[in-house]
Protein backbone atom coordinates (compact mmCIF):
# COMPACT_ATOMS: atom_id res chain seq x y z
CA MET A 1 109.49 270.73 122.91
CA ILE A 2 108.33 267.50 121.18
CA LYS A 3 109.61 265.40 124.20
CA SER A 4 107.81 267.73 126.57
CA LYS A 5 104.53 267.21 124.71
CA GLU A 6 105.09 263.51 124.72
CA ASN A 7 105.56 263.58 128.50
CA ILE A 8 102.33 265.54 128.96
CA ILE A 9 100.47 263.06 126.72
CA VAL A 10 101.84 260.11 128.74
CA ALA A 11 100.89 261.80 132.01
CA ILE A 12 97.37 262.45 130.77
CA SER A 13 97.09 258.83 129.56
CA VAL A 14 98.12 257.50 132.97
CA LEU A 15 95.64 259.70 134.72
CA LEU A 16 92.90 258.60 132.34
CA VAL A 17 93.64 254.89 132.95
CA LEU A 18 93.66 255.45 136.75
CA PHE A 19 90.30 257.29 136.45
CA ILE A 20 88.75 254.43 134.47
CA ILE A 21 90.01 251.88 137.05
CA ILE A 22 88.42 253.87 139.87
CA ILE A 23 85.13 254.47 138.10
CA TYR A 24 84.87 250.96 136.63
CA PRO A 25 86.49 248.44 138.95
CA SER A 26 87.26 244.96 137.71
CA GLU A 27 84.51 242.36 138.22
CA ASN A 28 87.18 240.05 139.68
CA SER A 29 87.94 242.63 142.43
CA GLU A 30 84.37 242.94 143.62
CA SER A 31 83.80 241.53 147.11
CA LYS A 32 80.85 239.32 148.07
CA PHE A 33 79.42 242.41 149.76
CA GLY A 34 79.22 244.36 146.53
CA ASP A 35 79.71 248.15 146.36
CA LEU A 36 77.20 249.49 148.86
CA SER A 37 78.82 252.90 149.37
CA ASN A 38 75.81 255.31 149.58
CA GLU A 39 75.16 255.78 153.31
CA ASN A 40 71.97 257.69 152.54
CA VAL A 41 70.37 254.70 150.88
CA THR A 42 68.87 251.69 152.69
CA GLN A 43 71.30 248.78 152.36
CA ILE A 44 70.02 245.18 152.16
CA GLY A 45 72.03 241.99 152.39
CA VAL A 46 70.41 238.72 151.18
CA VAL A 47 71.53 235.11 151.82
CA PHE A 48 69.93 232.63 149.48
CA ASN A 49 69.74 228.97 150.46
CA LYS A 50 71.91 226.40 148.63
CA HIS A 51 69.16 225.64 146.10
CA GLY A 52 69.59 229.21 144.86
CA LEU A 53 68.29 231.17 141.97
CA GLY A 54 66.98 229.62 138.85
CA ASP A 55 64.31 227.40 140.51
CA LYS A 56 61.52 229.44 138.80
CA SER A 57 59.69 229.28 142.08
CA PHE A 58 60.41 230.41 145.65
CA ASN A 59 63.96 231.76 145.31
CA ASP A 60 63.29 233.51 142.05
CA LEU A 61 60.12 235.06 143.50
CA CYS A 62 62.07 236.40 146.45
CA PHE A 63 64.66 237.92 144.00
CA GLU A 64 61.83 239.58 142.10
CA GLY A 65 60.68 241.20 145.31
CA ILE A 66 64.25 242.47 145.92
CA LEU A 67 64.49 243.90 142.38
CA ARG A 68 61.11 245.61 142.74
CA ALA A 69 62.32 247.19 145.99
CA GLN A 70 65.46 248.35 144.28
CA ASP A 71 63.35 250.01 141.53
CA LYS A 72 60.68 251.59 143.76
CA LEU A 73 62.25 252.16 147.16
CA ASN A 74 65.66 253.51 146.27
CA ILE A 75 67.62 250.73 148.03
CA GLU A 76 70.89 249.03 147.34
CA PHE A 77 71.42 245.29 147.89
CA ASP A 78 73.95 242.55 147.77
CA TYR A 79 73.21 238.84 147.72
CA TYR A 80 75.03 235.61 148.23
CA GLU A 81 74.05 232.21 146.74
CA SER A 82 75.12 229.68 149.33
CA LYS A 83 76.97 226.66 148.01
CA SER A 84 76.42 224.58 151.10
CA GLU A 85 74.74 224.71 154.50
CA GLU A 86 77.99 225.78 156.09
CA ASP A 87 77.71 229.06 154.20
CA TYR A 88 74.54 230.08 156.06
CA GLU A 89 76.22 230.93 159.27
CA THR A 90 79.46 232.17 157.70
CA ILE A 91 77.84 234.64 155.40
CA ALA A 92 75.28 235.87 157.87
CA ARG A 93 78.11 236.59 160.34
CA GLU A 94 80.26 238.34 157.72
CA TYR A 95 77.33 240.45 156.62
CA ALA A 96 76.41 241.37 160.22
CA SER A 97 80.00 242.10 161.28
CA SER A 98 80.44 244.42 158.25
CA LYS A 99 77.77 246.76 159.82
CA LYS A 100 76.83 247.81 156.28
CA TYR A 101 73.29 246.49 156.15
CA ASP A 102 70.11 247.95 157.54
CA LEU A 103 68.52 244.50 157.03
CA ILE A 104 69.89 241.01 156.41
CA ILE A 105 67.36 238.63 154.74
CA SER A 106 67.88 234.91 154.93
CA ILE A 107 65.80 232.87 152.47
CA GLY A 108 64.56 229.46 153.59
CA PHE A 109 63.81 227.30 156.60
CA GLU A 110 67.26 225.65 156.34
CA GLN A 111 68.88 228.87 157.63
CA GLU A 112 66.99 228.92 160.91
CA GLU A 113 69.86 227.69 163.10
CA ALA A 114 72.39 230.00 161.50
CA VAL A 115 70.12 233.07 161.97
CA LYS A 116 69.32 232.05 165.54
CA LYS A 117 73.02 231.85 166.41
CA VAL A 118 74.27 235.01 164.55
CA SER A 119 71.36 237.24 165.52
CA LYS A 120 72.28 236.64 169.18
CA GLU A 121 75.83 237.74 168.52
CA PHE A 122 74.65 241.02 166.80
CA LEU A 123 71.68 242.27 168.74
CA ASN A 124 71.63 245.64 167.01
CA GLN A 125 71.36 244.03 163.52
CA LYS A 126 67.97 243.52 161.99
CA PHE A 127 67.36 240.03 160.37
CA THR A 128 64.44 238.67 158.38
CA LEU A 129 64.07 234.96 157.96
CA VAL A 130 61.50 233.52 155.51
CA ASP A 131 59.79 230.15 156.26
CA SER A 132 60.47 230.15 159.92
CA ARG A 133 58.83 230.46 163.34
CA LEU A 134 61.65 231.99 165.36
CA ASN A 135 60.79 234.42 168.11
CA LEU A 136 63.78 236.64 168.77
CA SER A 137 64.16 240.30 169.56
CA ASN A 138 65.91 241.32 166.37
CA VAL A 139 64.48 238.79 163.87
CA SER A 140 61.34 239.14 161.79
CA SER A 141 60.32 235.54 161.28
CA ILE A 142 57.99 235.01 158.30
CA ASN A 143 55.86 232.00 157.86
CA THR A 144 52.94 231.13 155.57
CA PHE A 145 50.19 228.59 156.15
CA TRP A 146 51.33 225.71 153.89
CA THR A 147 48.15 223.78 154.52
CA GLU A 148 46.10 226.64 153.18
CA GLN A 149 48.34 227.20 150.18
CA THR A 150 47.85 223.70 148.76
CA PHE A 151 44.35 223.04 150.09
CA LEU A 152 42.50 224.76 147.25
CA ASN A 153 44.50 222.87 144.63
CA GLY A 154 43.38 219.73 146.43
CA VAL A 155 39.76 220.87 146.27
CA ILE A 156 40.14 221.51 142.52
CA ALA A 157 41.63 217.96 141.99
CA GLY A 158 38.87 216.44 144.12
CA LEU A 159 36.13 218.20 142.18
CA LEU A 160 37.64 217.26 138.79
CA MET A 161 37.99 213.60 139.85
CA LYS A 162 34.39 213.60 141.00
CA GLU A 163 33.25 214.94 137.61
CA ASP A 164 35.29 212.35 135.70
CA LYS A 165 32.84 209.44 135.27
CA LEU A 166 35.64 207.27 133.79
CA GLN A 167 37.75 207.42 136.97
CA ASP A 168 37.25 204.07 138.73
CA GLU A 169 39.47 204.85 141.74
CA GLU A 170 40.18 208.31 142.98
CA VAL A 171 43.97 208.47 143.18
CA SER A 172 46.28 211.48 143.35
CA GLY A 173 49.89 212.13 144.27
CA ILE A 174 52.13 214.54 146.12
CA ILE A 175 55.90 214.87 145.50
CA LEU A 176 58.12 216.77 148.00
CA GLY A 177 61.59 217.97 147.32
CA MET A 178 62.72 217.23 150.92
CA ASP A 179 61.01 215.75 153.94
CA MET A 180 60.62 218.96 155.89
CA LYS A 181 57.91 219.88 158.36
CA HIS A 182 56.46 222.75 156.40
CA LEU A 183 56.46 220.78 153.15
CA ARG A 184 54.69 217.89 154.93
CA GLU A 185 52.08 220.45 156.00
CA GLY A 186 51.71 221.40 152.29
CA ALA A 187 51.18 217.65 151.49
CA ILE A 188 48.55 217.37 154.26
CA GLY A 189 46.82 220.49 152.92
CA PHE A 190 46.54 219.08 149.43
CA GLU A 191 45.21 215.70 150.68
CA ALA A 192 42.79 217.54 153.00
CA GLY A 193 41.43 219.45 149.96
CA ILE A 194 40.84 216.28 147.99
CA ARG A 195 39.30 214.39 150.88
CA TYR A 196 37.09 217.39 151.81
CA ILE A 197 35.39 216.55 148.46
CA ASN A 198 36.04 212.81 148.30
CA PRO A 199 36.78 211.32 151.78
CA ASP A 200 37.72 207.93 150.37
CA ALA A 201 40.26 209.24 147.85
CA LYS A 202 43.75 207.67 147.93
CA VAL A 203 46.77 209.95 148.07
CA ILE A 204 50.28 208.75 147.34
CA VAL A 205 53.22 210.77 148.79
CA GLY A 206 56.85 210.67 147.58
CA VAL A 207 60.04 212.49 148.56
CA VAL A 208 62.82 213.25 146.01
CA ASP A 209 65.35 214.19 148.68
CA ASP A 210 66.60 216.83 146.34
CA PHE A 211 65.16 220.20 145.15
CA SER A 212 67.28 220.08 141.97
CA ASN A 213 66.72 216.61 140.48
CA PRO A 214 63.93 216.75 137.86
CA ALA A 215 64.93 213.37 136.45
CA LYS A 216 64.34 211.56 139.75
CA ALA A 217 61.07 213.50 140.28
CA LYS A 218 59.94 212.54 136.79
CA GLU A 219 60.44 208.80 137.49
CA MET A 220 58.63 209.12 140.77
CA ALA A 221 55.73 210.87 139.07
CA LEU A 222 55.53 208.30 136.28
CA SER A 223 55.35 205.58 138.95
CA MET A 224 52.43 207.41 140.61
CA TYR A 225 50.67 207.92 137.30
CA ARG A 226 51.05 204.20 136.55
CA LYS A 227 49.41 203.48 139.92
CA GLY A 228 46.32 205.38 138.92
CA ALA A 229 47.06 208.97 139.90
CA LYS A 230 45.65 211.46 137.51
CA TYR A 231 46.75 214.62 139.42
CA ILE A 232 49.99 215.27 141.15
CA GLN A 233 50.85 218.29 143.30
CA HIS A 234 54.63 218.95 143.54
CA ILE A 235 56.31 220.91 146.34
CA ALA A 236 59.80 220.18 145.07
CA GLY A 237 61.44 223.32 143.75
CA GLU A 238 63.30 222.80 140.49
CA SER A 239 62.66 219.06 140.74
CA GLY A 240 58.99 219.79 140.10
CA PHE A 241 59.74 220.30 136.43
CA GLY A 242 60.23 216.57 136.24
CA VAL A 243 56.62 216.18 137.41
CA PHE A 244 55.46 218.43 134.57
CA ALA A 245 57.44 216.43 132.04
CA ALA A 246 55.89 213.17 133.34
CA ALA A 247 52.39 214.60 133.12
CA LYS A 248 52.95 215.59 129.54
CA GLU A 249 54.43 212.17 128.66
CA VAL A 250 51.44 210.20 129.91
CA ASP A 251 48.77 212.84 129.19
CA LYS A 252 47.78 213.46 132.81
CA TYR A 253 47.93 216.51 135.07
CA ALA A 254 50.03 218.33 137.65
CA PHE A 255 49.84 221.34 139.92
CA GLY A 256 52.53 223.97 140.37
CA ILE A 257 53.76 225.74 143.49
CA ASP A 258 54.72 229.31 144.63
CA GLY A 259 55.20 231.44 141.45
CA ASN A 260 52.66 230.88 138.68
CA GLN A 261 54.03 227.78 136.85
CA ASN A 262 50.99 227.19 134.61
CA PHE A 263 52.84 228.71 131.67
CA PHE A 264 55.50 226.01 131.57
CA GLU A 265 53.15 223.21 130.45
CA PRO A 266 49.77 224.96 130.07
CA ASP A 267 48.04 221.87 128.65
CA TYR A 268 49.05 219.72 131.66
CA ILE A 269 49.28 222.07 134.65
CA VAL A 270 45.86 222.66 136.17
CA ALA A 271 46.67 225.41 138.62
CA THR A 272 49.43 226.68 140.85
CA ALA A 273 49.30 226.88 144.67
CA ILE A 274 50.46 230.47 144.57
CA ARG A 275 52.56 232.20 147.28
CA HIS A 276 53.48 235.85 146.81
CA ALA A 277 57.01 235.58 148.24
CA ASP A 278 57.96 238.64 146.15
CA ASP A 279 55.37 240.73 148.11
CA ILE A 280 56.66 239.31 151.42
CA ILE A 281 60.22 240.41 150.62
CA TYR A 282 59.16 243.72 149.22
CA ASN A 283 57.06 244.50 152.27
CA GLU A 284 59.90 243.60 154.65
CA ILE A 285 62.28 245.96 152.85
CA GLU A 286 59.65 248.71 152.69
CA SER A 287 59.13 248.42 156.41
CA VAL A 288 62.84 249.11 157.02
CA VAL A 289 62.74 252.10 154.58
CA LYS A 290 59.73 253.50 156.40
CA SER A 291 61.00 252.64 159.91
CA THR A 292 57.99 250.34 160.59
CA TRP A 293 59.94 247.08 160.63
CA SER A 294 59.17 244.90 163.69
CA PRO A 295 60.67 241.66 165.01
CA GLY A 296 58.71 238.60 166.00
CA MET A 297 56.70 235.91 164.21
CA HIS A 298 54.51 237.04 161.30
CA SER A 299 52.09 234.61 159.74
CA PHE A 300 50.25 234.99 156.41
CA GLY A 301 47.59 232.98 154.72
CA ILE A 302 44.60 233.12 152.34
CA LYS A 303 42.98 235.89 154.42
CA GLU A 304 45.97 238.15 153.91
CA ASN A 305 45.92 237.37 150.17
CA VAL A 306 49.50 236.10 150.34
CA ILE A 307 48.72 232.55 149.32
CA GLY A 308 45.98 230.91 147.24
CA TYR A 309 45.58 229.37 143.78
CA GLU A 310 46.11 230.59 140.27
CA ILE A 311 44.62 229.27 137.04
CA ALA A 312 45.73 232.03 134.69
CA GLY A 313 47.98 230.66 131.96
CA SER A 314 46.58 227.10 132.11
CA ASN A 315 44.74 225.60 129.13
CA VAL A 316 43.25 222.88 131.22
CA GLU A 317 39.46 223.24 131.13
CA ILE A 318 37.90 223.76 134.55
CA PRO A 319 34.01 224.09 134.62
CA GLU A 320 32.82 227.39 135.87
CA LYS A 321 30.76 225.70 138.55
CA THR A 322 33.97 224.12 139.92
CA ILE A 323 35.60 227.50 140.22
CA GLN A 324 32.47 228.77 141.97
CA VAL A 325 32.73 226.01 144.58
CA VAL A 326 36.47 226.62 145.03
CA GLU A 327 35.71 230.33 145.67
CA GLU A 328 32.97 229.43 148.18
CA ILE A 329 35.40 227.24 150.09
CA LYS A 330 38.11 229.91 149.94
CA ASN A 331 35.61 232.36 151.48
CA ASP A 332 34.87 229.85 154.26
CA ILE A 333 38.58 229.86 155.14
CA VAL A 334 38.78 233.67 155.10
CA GLU A 335 35.75 233.89 157.33
CA GLY A 336 37.17 231.37 159.77
CA GLU A 337 34.43 228.87 159.16
CA LEU A 338 36.81 226.18 157.82
CA TYR A 339 40.00 225.06 159.59
CA ILE A 340 42.62 222.95 157.78
CA PRO A 341 44.54 220.29 159.79
CA SER A 342 48.36 220.36 159.86
CA THR A 343 49.14 216.74 160.97
CA TYR A 344 48.11 213.36 159.65
CA GLU A 345 46.49 212.54 162.97
CA GLU A 346 44.37 215.65 162.79
CA LEU A 347 43.56 214.88 159.14
CA GLU A 348 41.91 211.59 159.87
CA ILE A 349 39.73 213.07 162.59
CA TRP A 350 39.02 216.22 160.53
CA THR A 351 37.92 214.20 157.45
CA GLN A 352 35.23 212.46 159.41
CA SER A 353 33.51 215.71 160.35
CA ASN A 354 34.38 217.96 157.47
CA GLN A 355 32.82 217.25 154.11
CA TYR A 356 31.70 219.60 151.42
CA LYS A 357 27.90 219.29 151.21
CA LYS A 358 26.67 222.35 149.42
């Protein structure tokens, strides 16, 4: 009788262990696709670029949009942080061939070739690519106007330099993470903003060649500050934190990018060239949930309230009259009265005939 009870207890124990294993699988056994088992819920797959999460800027903003969609739209998602450029095509193809995902989102211009290739192999799969101008039948290609995003920061820098009576030479700087077309457009936008106010201002441009090297960006920024720059706009991902550190070290100023970065060094960051990448991602997912998703090229700018500038969180004093001027210029862009150039050739011609005179 005792042995019989022991056997029953052992059997129950075995069943309990098996139940726990089924309900709570080991983390080590989880595939890169995650556990997207609910067929009644919209399933999203996300491929981050190799610069990944933790940049406190573009990638992190995109992730915030995904988390918001998970909370409000009843979706499930899986994501992959690419280790190298080779991962882009490999993971996109694995995600597409799994046929699990209602939408595959690729984050970053660097993934354009991979999405172009894989999307042609899986014509029934929906793809969204952020920071791209692809025009394919099953790809929603999202791009924002980089010239507009940084232009208003340039206007602020130009106005502040003009008000600074001690500034002998009007010098500013721009530091890019990589030498990419859309980032160059951002550099042109910032310079155009400054020269819209001060046509003779000098702008120094540097490229880190790395989105994750704050130390190198700091040395580059210090060099610019030593050459007379008082304001530096970074478009450099995580490397931009080196610019903030340099500004603090020499008691000068910097501008942030994408997510509001003013809080990181509020005494030295004047404003952030904001881009609501979280809203972009959220809206793409929502369109799939509501069956309104559409392929093609989709462009967003100041008029759509997707990009602009943000001063909240900064302790740097900006006169009220300066903000009023910035808002006037912003309205000119919205109304189509002011066009911002996107190449250096256009910039030189544009500067000659576009000067703020109000």
